[in-house]
Amino acid sequence: MTYLCTRALSTLATPLRGNLVVSPTVTHFGARSFAVAGPKAWNHLPADIRAIDTVSAFKTALKTYSCSVD
């Protein structure tokens, strides 16, 4: 089984709140794939947003964060 995103070994016992491992790429197109862009986006989120437990609260915080960055 191949996973698109993998967690760092230090965060395997905890919920998905730590950094994700970014796969190395050879081409420019590979750098734009979900397996690379997804973990990069997740790793750039503030820790307080990554620590939110509910989906609805996460969506609200993510929307507020994305509007404040633009």
N, C-alpha and C. Protein backbone atom coordinates (compact mmCIF):
# COMPACT_ATOMS: atom_id res chain seq x y z
N MET A 1 0.84 -1.18 0.00
CA MET A 1 0.00 0.00 0.00
C MET A 1 0.89 1.24 0.00
N THR A 2 0.62 2.19 -0.87
CA THR A 2 1.37 3.42 -0.97
C THR A 2 0.55 4.56 -0.36
N TYR A 3 1.18 5.33 0.52
CA TYR A 3 0.52 6.47 1.13
C TYR A 3 0.98 7.75 0.45
N LEU A 4 0.05 8.69 0.27
CA LEU A 4 0.42 9.96 -0.35
C LEU A 4 1.15 10.87 0.63
N CYS A 5 0.78 10.79 1.91
CA CYS A 5 1.41 11.61 2.94
C CYS A 5 1.85 10.71 4.08
N THR A 6 3.03 10.94 4.61
CA THR A 6 3.49 10.17 5.75
C THR A 6 3.92 11.12 6.86
N ARG A 7 3.76 10.65 8.09
CA ARG A 7 4.14 11.47 9.23
C ARG A 7 5.58 11.17 9.63
N ALA A 8 6.19 12.13 10.28
CA ALA A 8 7.53 11.91 10.82
C ALA A 8 7.45 10.85 11.90
N LEU A 9 8.51 10.07 12.08
CA LEU A 9 8.50 8.98 13.04
C LEU A 9 8.19 9.43 14.45
N SER A 10 8.58 10.63 14.83
CA SER A 10 8.35 11.11 16.19
C SER A 10 6.89 11.40 16.48
N THR A 11 6.03 11.49 15.45
CA THR A 11 4.64 11.85 15.68
C THR A 11 3.68 10.70 15.40
N LEU A 12 4.18 9.48 15.23
CA LEU A 12 3.31 8.36 14.88
C LEU A 12 2.33 8.01 15.99
N ALA A 13 2.68 8.21 17.24
CA ALA A 13 1.80 7.83 18.35
C ALA A 13 0.76 8.90 18.65
N THR A 14 0.89 10.07 18.08
CA THR A 14 -0.03 11.17 18.36
C THR A 14 -0.95 11.40 17.18
N PRO A 15 -2.07 12.09 17.39
CA PRO A 15 -2.93 12.43 16.25
C PRO A 15 -2.18 13.30 15.24
N LEU A 16 -2.77 13.49 14.09
CA LEU A 16 -2.12 14.23 13.00
C LEU A 16 -2.01 15.71 13.37
N ARG A 17 -0.98 16.05 14.11
CA ARG A 17 -0.74 17.43 14.51
C ARG A 17 0.68 17.86 14.24
N GLY A 18 1.57 16.92 14.04
CA GLY A 18 2.97 17.24 13.80
C GLY A 18 3.22 17.51 12.34
N ASN A 19 4.49 17.60 12.01
CA ASN A 19 4.88 17.84 10.62
C ASN A 19 4.77 16.57 9.80
N LEU A 20 4.47 16.74 8.53
CA LEU A 20 4.43 15.63 7.59
C LEU A 20 5.75 15.59 6.83
N VAL A 21 6.12 14.41 6.38
CA VAL A 21 7.34 14.24 5.61
C VAL A 21 7.06 14.65 4.17
N VAL A 22 7.90 15.51 3.61
CA VAL A 22 7.75 15.95 2.23
C VAL A 22 8.62 15.08 1.35
N SER A 23 7.99 14.40 0.39
CA SER A 23 8.72 13.50 -0.51
C SER A 23 9.66 14.29 -1.42
N PRO A 24 10.87 13.79 -1.64
CA PRO A 24 11.77 14.46 -2.58
C PRO A 24 11.28 14.29 -4.01
N THR A 25 11.53 15.28 -4.84
CA THR A 25 11.10 15.21 -6.24
C THR A 25 12.28 15.46 -7.16
N VAL A 26 12.11 15.02 -8.40
CA VAL A 26 13.15 15.20 -9.40
C VAL A 26 12.74 16.28 -10.40
N THR A 27 11.45 16.35 -10.71
CA THR A 27 10.98 17.30 -11.72
C THR A 27 10.14 18.40 -11.10
N HIS A 28 9.92 19.45 -11.86
CA HIS A 28 9.06 20.56 -11.44
C HIS A 28 7.62 20.08 -11.27
N PHE A 29 7.19 19.18 -12.13
CA PHE A 29 5.82 18.68 -12.05
C PHE A 29 5.61 17.85 -10.79
N GLY A 30 6.63 17.12 -10.37
CA GLY A 30 6.54 16.33 -9.14
C GLY A 30 6.40 17.21 -7.91
N ALA A 31 7.00 18.39 -7.94
CA ALA A 31 6.91 19.32 -6.81
C ALA A 31 5.51 19.89 -6.65
N ARG A 32 4.71 19.84 -7.72
CA ARG A 32 3.34 20.37 -7.66
C ARG A 32 2.33 19.27 -7.36
N SER A 33 2.76 18.04 -7.16
CA SER A 33 1.84 16.94 -6.90
C SER A 33 1.29 17.05 -5.48
N PHE A 34 0.18 16.34 -5.23
CA PHE A 34 -0.44 16.36 -3.90
C PHE A 34 0.50 15.81 -2.85
N ALA A 35 1.27 14.79 -3.19
CA ALA A 35 2.17 14.14 -2.24
C ALA A 35 3.24 15.10 -1.72
N VAL A 36 3.51 16.18 -2.45
CA VAL A 36 4.49 17.17 -2.02
C VAL A 36 3.80 18.45 -1.55
N ALA A 37 2.84 18.95 -2.31
CA ALA A 37 2.18 20.21 -1.98
C ALA A 37 1.32 20.10 -0.71
N GLY A 38 0.67 18.96 -0.52
CA GLY A 38 -0.18 18.78 0.67
C GLY A 38 0.61 18.86 1.96
N PRO A 39 1.66 18.05 2.13
CA PRO A 39 2.46 18.15 3.35
C PRO A 39 3.12 19.51 3.56
N LYS A 40 3.54 20.15 2.46
CA LYS A 40 4.14 21.49 2.60
C LYS A 40 3.11 22.48 3.15
N ALA A 41 1.89 22.43 2.63
CA ALA A 41 0.84 23.33 3.11
C ALA A 41 0.52 23.05 4.57
N TRP A 42 0.42 21.77 4.94
CA TRP A 42 0.12 21.39 6.32
C TRP A 42 1.24 21.87 7.26
N ASN A 43 2.49 21.69 6.86
CA ASN A 43 3.62 22.08 7.71
C ASN A 43 3.70 23.59 7.89
N HIS A 44 3.14 24.38 6.97
CA HIS A 44 3.19 25.84 7.09
C HIS A 44 2.05 26.40 7.92
N LEU A 45 1.07 25.58 8.28
CA LEU A 45 -0.01 26.07 9.13
C LEU A 45 0.50 26.30 10.55
N PRO A 46 -0.03 27.30 11.24
CA PRO A 46 0.36 27.51 12.64
C PRO A 46 -0.04 26.30 13.50
N ALA A 47 0.71 26.04 14.55
CA ALA A 47 0.48 24.88 15.42
C ALA A 47 -0.90 24.93 16.08
N ASP A 48 -1.39 26.12 16.39
CA ASP A 48 -2.71 26.18 17.05
C ASP A 48 -3.83 25.73 16.10
N ILE A 49 -3.69 25.96 14.81
CA ILE A 49 -4.70 25.49 13.86
C ILE A 49 -4.57 23.97 13.68
N ARG A 50 -3.35 23.46 13.62
CA ARG A 50 -3.16 22.01 13.47
C ARG A 50 -3.65 21.24 14.69
N ALA A 51 -3.73 21.89 15.86
CA ALA A 51 -4.12 21.21 17.10
C ALA A 51 -5.63 21.17 17.30
N ILE A 52 -6.42 21.77 16.45
CA ILE A 52 -7.87 21.79 16.61
C ILE A 52 -8.43 20.39 16.40
N ASP A 53 -9.37 20.00 17.28
CA ASP A 53 -9.89 18.63 17.28
C ASP A 53 -11.10 18.40 16.38
N THR A 54 -11.93 19.39 16.18
CA THR A 54 -13.15 19.17 15.40
C THR A 54 -13.00 19.72 13.99
N VAL A 55 -13.67 19.07 13.05
CA VAL A 55 -13.59 19.47 11.65
C VAL A 55 -14.18 20.86 11.44
N SER A 56 -15.33 21.12 12.05
CA SER A 56 -15.97 22.43 11.84
C SER A 56 -15.11 23.56 12.39
N ALA A 57 -14.51 23.37 13.55
CA ALA A 57 -13.63 24.41 14.12
C ALA A 57 -12.38 24.58 13.26
N PHE A 58 -11.85 23.45 12.73
CA PHE A 58 -10.67 23.52 11.86
C PHE A 58 -10.98 24.30 10.60
N LYS A 59 -12.15 24.03 9.98
CA LYS A 59 -12.54 24.76 8.77
C LYS A 59 -12.65 26.25 9.03
N THR A 60 -13.27 26.61 10.14
CA THR A 60 -13.44 28.03 10.49
C THR A 60 -12.08 28.69 10.68
N ALA A 61 -11.21 28.04 11.45
CA ALA A 61 -9.88 28.61 11.70
C ALA A 61 -9.06 28.70 10.42
N LEU A 62 -9.18 27.69 9.57
CA LEU A 62 -8.44 27.69 8.31
C LEU A 62 -8.92 28.81 7.38
N LYS A 63 -10.22 29.02 7.34
CA LYS A 63 -10.76 30.09 6.49
C LYS A 63 -10.31 31.46 7.03
N THR A 64 -10.37 31.64 8.34
CA THR A 64 -9.93 32.90 8.94
C THR A 64 -8.44 33.12 8.68
N TYR A 65 -7.63 32.06 8.81
CA TYR A 65 -6.20 32.17 8.57
C TYR A 65 -5.90 32.49 7.09
N SER A 66 -6.60 31.83 6.18
CA SER A 66 -6.33 32.06 4.77
C SER A 66 -6.76 33.47 4.33
N CYS A 67 -7.80 34.00 4.95
CA CYS A 67 -8.22 35.36 4.62
C CYS A 67 -7.26 36.40 5.19
N SER A 68 -6.65 36.09 6.33
CA SER A 68 -5.73 37.05 6.92
C SER A 68 -4.36 37.04 6.23
N VAL A 69 -4.02 35.95 5.54
CA VAL A 69 -2.74 35.85 4.85
C VAL A 69 -2.78 36.60 3.52
N ASP A 70 -3.91 36.59 2.85
CA ASP A 70 -4.02 37.24 1.53
C ASP A 70 -3.81 38.70 1.56
